[in-house]
Every structure is written in C-alpha cells, then in structure tokens.
Amino acid sequence: MKVTMTAPDSPDTSLCPLCQSGNECVMARPETAGNPCWCTGATIPAGLLSRVPPELAGLACICPACVEAYGIEATRAPGFDRT
C-alpha cells in the first residue's frame, strides 16, 4: 500500500478571503496572468484590508463586491473616514 503525504490545503487565490466568492483577479488565473487586474486601478481601504484573516493576508484579492460594500458601509458610519 502506497501512502501519499499531502501538504495542508492552500487557499484558493481565485476566491475573496472575506466572502469566498470569485474575486475576478486576472493574476490568479494562469490563462490571464500578466494582464492588468481590476484592482490595480482601485483603492482598497486599510479598514477593509484589516478584515482579511491574517492567514490569508497577501494571498488572494478581495473581490469588487466586498470593496463596493465596504465603501457603502463606510459612508453610513458616524465619523466617516475612507481610509
């Protein structure tokens, strides 16, 4: 009997680390890697980045829907600050 060791599951870089939906990152897909991504022209607020679990930080893009939802949420908060 052959036993195969597997590495711990790697995060799926095509999924948003916040909502687990597709993040639309062209750099995460081999067939489109090297093309500009939607996020290169976007400003991702530090407050939203801070919501990414530490173990997923820097591994996968936040999706456009989460960025948009955060912007809407932020504008409704007392003392609105877009940072």
Protein backbone atom coordinates (compact mmCIF):
# COMPACT_ATOMS: atom_id res chain seq x y z
CA MET A 1 0.00 0.00 0.00
CA LYS A 2 1.39 3.38 -1.02
CA VAL A 3 0.78 6.29 1.33
CA THR A 4 0.88 9.79 -0.11
CA MET A 5 1.59 12.78 2.09
CA THR A 6 -0.23 15.93 1.15
CA ALA A 7 0.54 19.49 2.10
CA PRO A 8 -2.02 21.43 4.10
CA ASP A 9 -4.70 22.94 1.91
CA SER A 10 -3.52 26.07 0.16
CA PRO A 11 -6.01 28.90 -0.08
CA ASP A 12 -7.80 29.24 -3.40
CA THR A 13 -6.40 32.52 -4.76
CA SER A 14 -9.40 32.91 -7.07
CA LEU A 15 -11.70 33.40 -4.06
CA CYS A 16 -12.16 36.53 -1.98
CA PRO A 17 -10.72 35.98 1.52
CA LEU A 18 -13.72 37.80 3.01
CA CYS A 19 -16.80 36.37 1.27
CA GLN A 20 -15.36 33.34 -0.55
CA SER A 21 -16.89 34.45 -3.87
CA GLY A 22 -14.84 34.72 -7.04
CA ASN A 23 -12.53 37.73 -6.76
CA GLU A 24 -12.21 38.38 -10.51
CA CYS A 25 -8.42 38.52 -10.16
CA VAL A 26 -6.84 38.03 -13.58
CA MET A 27 -3.44 37.44 -11.99
CA ALA A 28 -4.74 34.41 -10.08
CA ARG A 29 -5.69 32.59 -13.30
CA PRO A 30 -2.85 31.11 -15.32
CA GLU A 31 -4.58 31.87 -18.64
CA THR A 32 -4.82 35.60 -17.87
CA ALA A 33 -1.81 36.09 -15.57
CA GLY A 34 0.28 39.05 -16.61
CA ASN A 35 -2.74 41.13 -17.65
CA PRO A 36 -3.77 44.11 -15.54
CA CYS A 37 -6.29 43.30 -12.82
CA TRP A 38 -9.33 45.40 -11.88
CA CYS A 39 -7.69 46.06 -8.51
CA THR A 40 -4.64 47.79 -9.95
CA GLY A 41 -6.82 50.85 -10.55
CA ALA A 42 -8.77 50.53 -7.31
CA THR A 43 -8.09 51.93 -3.87
CA ILE A 44 -8.57 49.24 -1.26
CA PRO A 45 -9.17 50.94 2.12
CA ALA A 46 -6.91 49.90 5.01
CA GLY A 47 -10.01 49.25 7.11
CA LEU A 48 -11.18 46.63 4.62
CA LEU A 49 -7.74 45.05 4.37
CA SER A 50 -7.68 44.73 8.15
CA ARG A 51 -10.72 42.43 7.93
CA VAL A 52 -8.79 39.80 5.97
CA PRO A 53 -7.87 36.89 8.27
CA PRO A 54 -4.10 37.02 8.97
CA GLU A 55 -3.53 33.58 7.46
CA LEU A 56 -4.98 34.79 4.13
CA ALA A 57 -3.40 38.27 4.01
CA GLY A 58 -1.45 38.84 0.82
CA LEU A 59 -2.55 35.55 -0.73
CA ALA A 60 -5.78 36.41 -2.54
CA CYS A 61 -7.51 39.57 -3.76
CA ILE A 62 -10.59 41.00 -2.12
CA CYS A 63 -13.48 40.94 -4.63
CA PRO A 64 -15.02 44.05 -6.20
CA ALA A 65 -18.32 43.39 -4.40
CA CYS A 66 -16.65 43.50 -0.96
CA VAL A 67 -14.78 46.69 -1.89
CA GLU A 68 -18.05 48.28 -3.04
CA ALA A 69 -19.98 47.06 0.02
CA TYR A 70 -17.29 48.41 2.34
CA GLY A 71 -17.48 51.79 0.63
CA ILE A 72 -21.24 51.90 1.13
CA GLU A 73 -20.91 50.76 4.75
CA ALA A 74 -18.20 53.32 5.45
CA THR A 75 -20.24 56.23 4.11
CA ARG A 76 -23.04 55.35 6.52
CA ALA A 77 -20.80 55.13 9.59
CA PRO A 78 -20.54 58.02 12.08
CA GLY A 79 -17.30 59.93 11.56
CA PHE A 80 -16.97 58.60 8.00
CA ASP A 81 -13.30 58.18 7.05
CA ARG A 82 -12.45 56.38 3.79
CA THR A 83 -9.03 55.14 4.97
